[in-house]
Amino acid sequence: MAENNEKSIKVTLVKSTIGAVPKNRKTVEALGLKKVNATNVIPDNASTRGMVRQVRHLVTVEEA
């Protein structure tokens, strides 16, 4: 989990990874999401933003 003094984002998997490109499946798993409607709070930095951008068609993002 992200520390309290850092910015963080809440990422939710809204679409199944069945039929997705294997690289995108690995990215979703790396974000800590395993099932549809699973949510994870992650630090808001350049690397995680890039991961979210890679799978933006499968997830939703909110500020936490």
PDB file of N, CA and C in Angstrom:
ATOM      1  N   MET A   1       0.831  -1.185   0.000  1.00  0.00           N
ATOM      2  CA  MET A   1       0.000   0.000   0.000  1.00  0.00           C
ATOM      3  C   MET A   1       0.873   1.245   0.000  1.00  0.00           C
ATOM      4  N   ALA A   2       0.281   2.312  -0.444  1.00  0.00           N
ATOM      5  CA  ALA A   2       1.001   3.573  -0.504  1.00  0.00           C
ATOM      6  C   ALA A   2       1.050   4.204   0.883  1.00  0.00           C
ATOM      7  N   GLU A   3       2.104   4.946   1.133  1.00  0.00           N
ATOM      8  CA  GLU A   3       2.213   5.647   2.409  1.00  0.00           C
ATOM      9  C   GLU A   3       1.254   6.829   2.428  1.00  0.00           C
ATOM     10  N   ASN A   4       0.925   7.298   3.607  1.00  0.00           N
ATOM     11  CA  ASN A   4      -0.058   8.369   3.749  1.00  0.00           C
ATOM     12  C   ASN A   4       0.419   9.700   3.194  1.00  0.00           C
ATOM     13  N   ASN A   5       1.724   9.973   3.223  1.00  0.00           N
ATOM     14  CA  ASN A   5       2.216  11.274   2.781  1.00  0.00           C
ATOM     15  C   ASN A   5       2.431  11.345   1.278  1.00  0.00           C
ATOM     16  N   GLU A   6       2.311  10.232   0.575  1.00  0.00           N
ATOM     17  CA  GLU A   6       2.475  10.230  -0.875  1.00  0.00           C
ATOM     18  C   GLU A   6       1.115  10.253  -1.545  1.00  0.00           C
ATOM     19  N   LYS A   7       1.090  10.713  -2.784  1.00  0.00           N
ATOM     20  CA  LYS A   7      -0.130  10.633  -3.557  1.00  0.00           C
ATOM     21  C   LYS A   7      -0.347   9.187  -3.957  1.00  0.00           C
ATOM     22  N   SER A   8      -1.598   8.804  -4.074  1.00  0.00           N
ATOM     23  CA  SER A   8      -1.895   7.438  -4.484  1.00  0.00           C
ATOM     24  C   SER A   8      -3.133   7.440  -5.376  1.00  0.00           C
ATOM     25  N   ILE A   9      -3.260   6.375  -6.151  1.00  0.00           N
ATOM     26  CA  ILE A   9      -4.420   6.229  -7.020  1.00  0.00           C
ATOM     27  C   ILE A   9      -5.073   4.876  -6.747  1.00  0.00           C
ATOM     28  N   LYS A  10      -6.374   4.831  -6.967  1.00  0.00           N
ATOM     29  CA  LYS A  10      -7.126   3.597  -6.787  1.00  0.00           C
ATOM     30  C   LYS A  10      -7.465   3.064  -8.165  1.00  0.00           C
ATOM     31  N   VAL A  11      -7.002   1.865  -8.465  1.00  0.00           N
ATOM     32  CA  VAL A  11      -7.195   1.250  -9.774  1.00  0.00           C
ATOM     33  C   VAL A  11      -8.155   0.080  -9.616  1.00  0.00           C
ATOM     34  N   THR A  12      -9.168   0.019 -10.480  1.00  0.00           N
ATOM     35  CA  THR A  12     -10.161  -1.049 -10.443  1.00  0.00           C
ATOM     36  C   THR A  12     -10.219  -1.727 -11.795  1.00  0.00           C
ATOM     37  N   LEU A  13     -10.174  -3.053 -11.801  1.00  0.00           N
ATOM     38  CA  LEU A  13     -10.297  -3.832 -13.028  1.00  0.00           C
ATOM     39  C   LEU A  13     -11.777  -3.938 -13.374  1.00  0.00           C
ATOM     40  N   VAL A  14     -12.174  -3.390 -14.527  1.00  0.00           N
ATOM     41  CA  VAL A  14     -13.591  -3.373 -14.892  1.00  0.00           C
ATOM     42  C   VAL A  14     -13.903  -4.279 -16.072  1.00  0.00           C
ATOM     43  N   LYS A  15     -12.876  -4.786 -16.727  1.00  0.00           N
ATOM     44  CA  LYS A  15     -13.080  -5.648 -17.880  1.00  0.00           C
ATOM     45  C   LYS A  15     -12.161  -6.856 -17.741  1.00  0.00           C
ATOM     46  N   SER A  16     -12.629  -8.009 -18.169  1.00  0.00           N
ATOM     47  CA  SER A  16     -11.870  -9.242 -18.039  1.00  0.00           C
ATOM     48  C   SER A  16     -10.630  -9.224 -18.934  1.00  0.00           C
ATOM     49  N   THR A  17      -9.603  -9.945 -18.490  1.00  0.00           N
ATOM     50  CA  THR A  17      -8.382 -10.054 -19.283  1.00  0.00           C
ATOM     51  C   THR A  17      -8.437 -11.245 -20.236  1.00  0.00           C
ATOM     52  N   ILE A  18      -9.559 -11.967 -20.258  1.00  0.00           N
ATOM     53  CA  ILE A  18      -9.704 -13.067 -21.208  1.00  0.00           C
ATOM     54  C   ILE A  18      -9.707 -12.464 -22.605  1.00  0.00           C
ATOM     55  N   GLY A  19      -8.863 -12.968 -23.449  1.00  0.00           N
ATOM     56  CA  GLY A  19      -8.755 -12.457 -24.808  1.00  0.00           C
ATOM     57  C   GLY A  19      -7.822 -11.271 -24.949  1.00  0.00           C
ATOM     58  N   ALA A  20      -7.274 -10.802 -23.837  1.00  0.00           N
ATOM     59  CA  ALA A  20      -6.348  -9.668 -23.894  1.00  0.00           C
ATOM     60  C   ALA A  20      -4.964 -10.163 -24.311  1.00  0.00           C
ATOM     61  N   VAL A  21      -4.160  -9.233 -24.778  1.00  0.00           N
ATOM     62  CA  VAL A  21      -2.777  -9.536 -25.144  1.00  0.00           C
ATOM     63  C   VAL A  21      -2.043 -10.013 -23.881  1.00  0.00           C
ATOM     64  N   PRO A  22      -1.208 -11.044 -23.979  1.00  0.00           N
ATOM     65  CA  PRO A  22      -0.501 -11.541 -22.790  1.00  0.00           C
ATOM     66  C   PRO A  22       0.284 -10.461 -22.036  1.00  0.00           C
ATOM     67  N   LYS A  23       0.860  -9.508 -22.750  1.00  0.00           N
ATOM     68  CA  LYS A  23       1.585  -8.416 -22.092  1.00  0.00           C
ATOM     69  C   LYS A  23       0.644  -7.601 -21.203  1.00  0.00           C
ATOM     70  N   ASN A  24      -0.589  -7.388 -21.674  1.00  0.00           N
ATOM     71  CA  ASN A  24      -1.560  -6.639 -20.883  1.00  0.00           C
ATOM     72  C   ASN A  24      -2.008  -7.439 -19.669  1.00  0.00           C
ATOM     73  N   ARG A  25      -2.128  -8.755 -19.802  1.00  0.00           N
ATOM     74  CA  ARG A  25      -2.487  -9.596 -18.657  1.00  0.00           C
ATOM     75  C   ARG A  25      -1.437  -9.477 -17.567  1.00  0.00           C
ATOM     76  N   LYS A  26      -0.173  -9.521 -17.957  1.00  0.00           N
ATOM     77  CA  LYS A  26       0.926  -9.407 -16.987  1.00  0.00           C
ATOM     78  C   LYS A  26       0.920  -8.030 -16.320  1.00  0.00           C
ATOM     79  N   THR A  27       0.600  -7.002 -17.082  1.00  0.00           N
ATOM     80  CA  THR A  27       0.553  -5.653 -16.529  1.00  0.00           C
ATOM     81  C   THR A  27      -0.555  -5.533 -15.494  1.00  0.00           C
ATOM     82  N   VAL A  28      -1.714  -6.106 -15.793  1.00  0.00           N
ATOM     83  CA  VAL A  28      -2.831  -6.081 -14.842  1.00  0.00           C
ATOM     84  C   VAL A  28      -2.446  -6.823 -13.567  1.00  0.00           C
ATOM     85  N   GLU A  29      -1.794  -7.969 -13.697  1.00  0.00           N
ATOM     86  CA  GLU A  29      -1.351  -8.712 -12.522  1.00  0.00           C
ATOM     87  C   GLU A  29      -0.323  -7.913 -11.721  1.00  0.00           C
ATOM     88  N   ALA A  30       0.563  -7.208 -12.412  1.00  0.00           N
ATOM     89  CA  ALA A  30       1.583  -6.408 -11.739  1.00  0.00           C
ATOM     90  C   ALA A  30       0.961  -5.243 -10.973  1.00  0.00           C
ATOM     91  N   LEU A  31      -0.201  -4.787 -11.410  1.00  0.00           N
ATOM     92  CA  LEU A  31      -0.921  -3.736 -10.687  1.00  0.00           C
ATOM     93  C   LEU A  31      -1.636  -4.298  -9.462  1.00  0.00           C
ATOM     94  N   GLY A  32      -1.612  -5.613  -9.289  1.00  0.00           N
ATOM     95  CA  GLY A  32      -2.223  -6.240  -8.120  1.00  0.00           C
ATOM     96  C   GLY A  32      -3.683  -6.579  -8.313  1.00  0.00           C
ATOM     97  N   LEU A  33      -4.128  -6.702  -9.561  1.00  0.00           N
ATOM     98  CA  LEU A  33      -5.529  -6.978  -9.846  1.00  0.00           C
ATOM     99  C   LEU A  33      -5.656  -8.390 -10.399  1.00  0.00           C
ATOM    100  N   LYS A  34      -6.545  -9.195  -9.802  1.00  0.00           N
ATOM    101  CA  LYS A  34      -6.687 -10.574 -10.238  1.00  0.00           C
ATOM    102  C   LYS A  34      -8.057 -10.869 -10.812  1.00  0.00           C
ATOM    103  N   LYS A  35      -9.094 -10.272 -10.248  1.00  0.00           N
ATOM    104  CA  LYS A  35     -10.456 -10.545 -10.683  1.00  0.00           C
ATOM    105  C   LYS A  35     -11.139  -9.249 -11.104  1.00  0.00           C
ATOM    106  N   VAL A  36     -12.204  -9.382 -11.866  1.00  0.00           N
ATOM    107  CA  VAL A  36     -12.988  -8.222 -12.268  1.00  0.00           C
ATOM    108  C   VAL A  36     -13.575  -7.584 -11.007  1.00  0.00           C
ATOM    109  N   ASN A  37     -13.602  -6.274 -10.962  1.00  0.00           N
ATOM    110  CA  ASN A  37     -14.051  -5.448  -9.834  1.00  0.00           C
ATOM    111  C   ASN A  37     -13.073  -5.457  -8.664  1.00  0.00           C
ATOM    112  N   ALA A  38     -11.895  -6.031  -8.840  1.00  0.00           N
ATOM    113  CA  ALA A  38     -10.862  -5.957  -7.811  1.00  0.00           C
ATOM    114  C   ALA A  38     -10.268  -4.551  -7.826  1.00  0.00           C
ATOM    115  N   THR A  39      -9.975  -4.029  -6.648  1.00  0.00           N
ATOM    116  CA  THR A  39      -9.442  -2.674  -6.515  1.00  0.00           C
ATOM    117  C   THR A  39      -8.134  -2.721  -5.743  1.00  0.00           C
ATOM    118  N   ASN A  40      -7.196  -1.869  -6.130  1.00  0.00           N
ATOM    119  CA  ASN A  40      -5.914  -1.786  -5.445  1.00  0.00           C
ATOM    120  C   ASN A  40      -5.490  -0.326  -5.385  1.00  0.00           C
ATOM    121  N   VAL A  41      -4.920   0.075  -4.255  1.00  0.00           N
ATOM    122  CA  VAL A  41      -4.390   1.425  -4.093  1.00  0.00           C
ATOM    123  C   VAL A  41      -2.885   1.342  -4.297  1.00  0.00           C
ATOM    124  N   ILE A  42      -2.389   2.113  -5.255  1.00  0.00           N
ATOM    125  CA  ILE A  42      -0.972   2.076  -5.597  1.00  0.00           C
ATOM    126  C   ILE A  42      -0.413   3.497  -5.595  1.00  0.00           C
ATOM    127  N   PRO A  43       0.911   3.652  -5.425  1.00  0.00           N
ATOM    128  CA  PRO A  43       1.489   4.993  -5.449  1.00  0.00           C
ATOM    129  C   PRO A  43       1.345   5.639  -6.825  1.00  0.00           C
ATOM    130  N   ASP A  44       1.157   6.934  -6.813  1.00  0.00           N
ATOM    131  CA  ASP A  44       0.992   7.682  -8.059  1.00  0.00           C
ATOM    132  C   ASP A  44       2.357   8.201  -8.496  1.00  0.00           C
ATOM    133  N   ASN A  45       3.030   7.433  -9.351  1.00  0.00           N
ATOM    134  CA  ASN A  45       4.312   7.862  -9.893  1.00  0.00           C
ATOM    135  C   ASN A  45       4.360   7.530 -11.375  1.00  0.00           C
ATOM    136  N   ALA A  46       5.440   7.874 -12.012  1.00  0.00           N
ATOM    137  CA  ALA A  46       5.543   7.724 -13.459  1.00  0.00           C
ATOM    138  C   ALA A  46       5.444   6.266 -13.902  1.00  0.00           C
ATOM    139  N   SER A  47       6.027   5.355 -13.170  1.00  0.00           N
ATOM    140  CA  SER A  47       6.009   3.953 -13.591  1.00  0.00           C
ATOM    141  C   SER A  47       4.610   3.359 -13.489  1.00  0.00           C
ATOM    142  N   THR A  48       3.897   3.644 -12.405  1.00  0.00           N
ATOM    143  CA  THR A  48       2.549   3.096 -12.293  1.00  0.00           C
ATOM    144  C   THR A  48       1.588   3.785 -13.254  1.00  0.00           C
ATOM    145  N   ARG A  49       1.792   5.064 -13.522  1.00  0.00           N
ATOM    146  CA  ARG A  49       0.966   5.756 -14.516  1.00  0.00           C
ATOM    147  C   ARG A  49       1.155   5.137 -15.898  1.00  0.00           C
ATOM    148  N   GLY A  50       2.388   4.756 -16.220  1.00  0.00           N
ATOM    149  CA  GLY A  50       2.657   4.107 -17.492  1.00  0.00           C
ATOM    150  C   GLY A  50       1.987   2.753 -17.589  1.00  0.00           C
ATOM    151  N   MET A  51       1.984   2.011 -16.492  1.00  0.00           N
ATOM    152  CA  MET A  51       1.316   0.710 -16.470  1.00  0.00           C
ATOM    153  C   MET A  51      -0.189   0.874 -16.667  1.00  0.00           C
ATOM    154  N   VAL A  52      -0.761   1.847 -15.982  1.00  0.00           N
ATOM    155  CA  VAL A  52      -2.201   2.102 -16.106  1.00  0.00           C
ATOM    156  C   VAL A  52      -2.532   2.535 -17.530  1.00  0.00           C
ATOM    157  N   ARG A  53      -1.679   3.343 -18.122  1.00  0.00           N
ATOM    158  CA  ARG A  53      -1.916   3.799 -19.497  1.00  0.00           C
ATOM    159  C   ARG A  53      -1.901   2.631 -20.477  1.00  0.00           C
ATOM    160  N   GLN A  54      -1.056   1.654 -20.209  1.00  0.00           N
ATOM    161  CA  GLN A  54      -0.952   0.474 -21.065  1.00  0.00           C
ATOM    162  C   GLN A  54      -2.259  -0.323 -21.103  1.00  0.00           C
ATOM    163  N   VAL A  55      -2.983  -0.355 -19.977  1.00  0.00           N
ATOM    164  CA  VAL A  55      -4.205  -1.164 -19.880  1.00  0.00           C
ATOM    165  C   VAL A  55      -5.432  -0.292 -19.584  1.00  0.00           C
ATOM    166  N   ARG A  56      -5.413   0.941 -20.065  1.00  0.00           N
ATOM    167  CA  ARG A  56      -6.496   1.879 -19.753  1.00  0.00           C
ATOM    168  C   ARG A  56      -7.855   1.416 -20.243  1.00  0.00           C
ATOM    169  N   HIS A  57      -7.903   0.500 -21.212  1.00  0.00           N
ATOM    170  CA  HIS A  57      -9.171  -0.008 -21.702  1.00  0.00           C
ATOM    171  C   HIS A  57      -9.742  -1.095 -20.797  1.00  0.00           C
ATOM    172  N   LEU A  58      -8.972  -1.532 -19.801  1.00  0.00           N
ATOM    173  CA  LEU A  58      -9.423  -2.590 -18.889  1.00  0.00           C
ATOM    174  C   LEU A  58      -9.681  -2.087 -17.459  1.00  0.00           C
ATOM    175  N   VAL A  59      -9.199  -0.896 -17.132  1.00  0.00           N
ATOM    176  CA  VAL A  59      -9.266  -0.421 -15.747  1.00  0.00           C
ATOM    177  C   VAL A  59      -9.889   0.982 -15.671  1.00  0.00           C
ATOM    178  N   THR A  60     -10.305   1.336 -14.467  1.00  0.00           N
ATOM    179  CA  THR A  60     -10.677   2.716 -14.163  1.00  0.00           C
ATOM    180  C   THR A  60      -9.757   3.211 -13.065  1.00  0.00           C
ATOM    181  N   VAL A  61      -9.521   4.513 -13.032  1.00  0.00           N
ATOM    182  CA  VAL A  61      -8.588   5.110 -12.079  1.00  0.00           C
ATOM    183  C   VAL A  61      -9.281   6.243 -11.347  1.00  0.00           C
ATOM    184  N   GLU A  62      -9.071   6.282 -10.019  1.00  0.00           N
ATOM    185  CA  GLU A  62      -9.583   7.371  -9.177  1.00  0.00           C
ATOM    186  C   GLU A  62      -8.448   7.818  -8.270  1.00  0.00           C
ATOM    187  N   GLU A  63      -8.504   9.058  -7.822  1.00  0.00           N
ATOM    188  CA  GLU A  63      -7.551   9.538  -6.836  1.00  0.00           C
ATOM    189  C   GLU A  63      -7.952   8.987  -5.472  1.00  0.00           C
ATOM    190  N   ALA A  64      -6.963   8.577  -4.702  1.00  0.00           N
ATOM    191  CA  ALA A  64      -7.263   8.004  -3.381  1.00  0.00           C
ATOM    192  C   ALA A  64      -6.810   8.932  -2.273  1.00  0.00           C
TER     193      ALA A  64
END
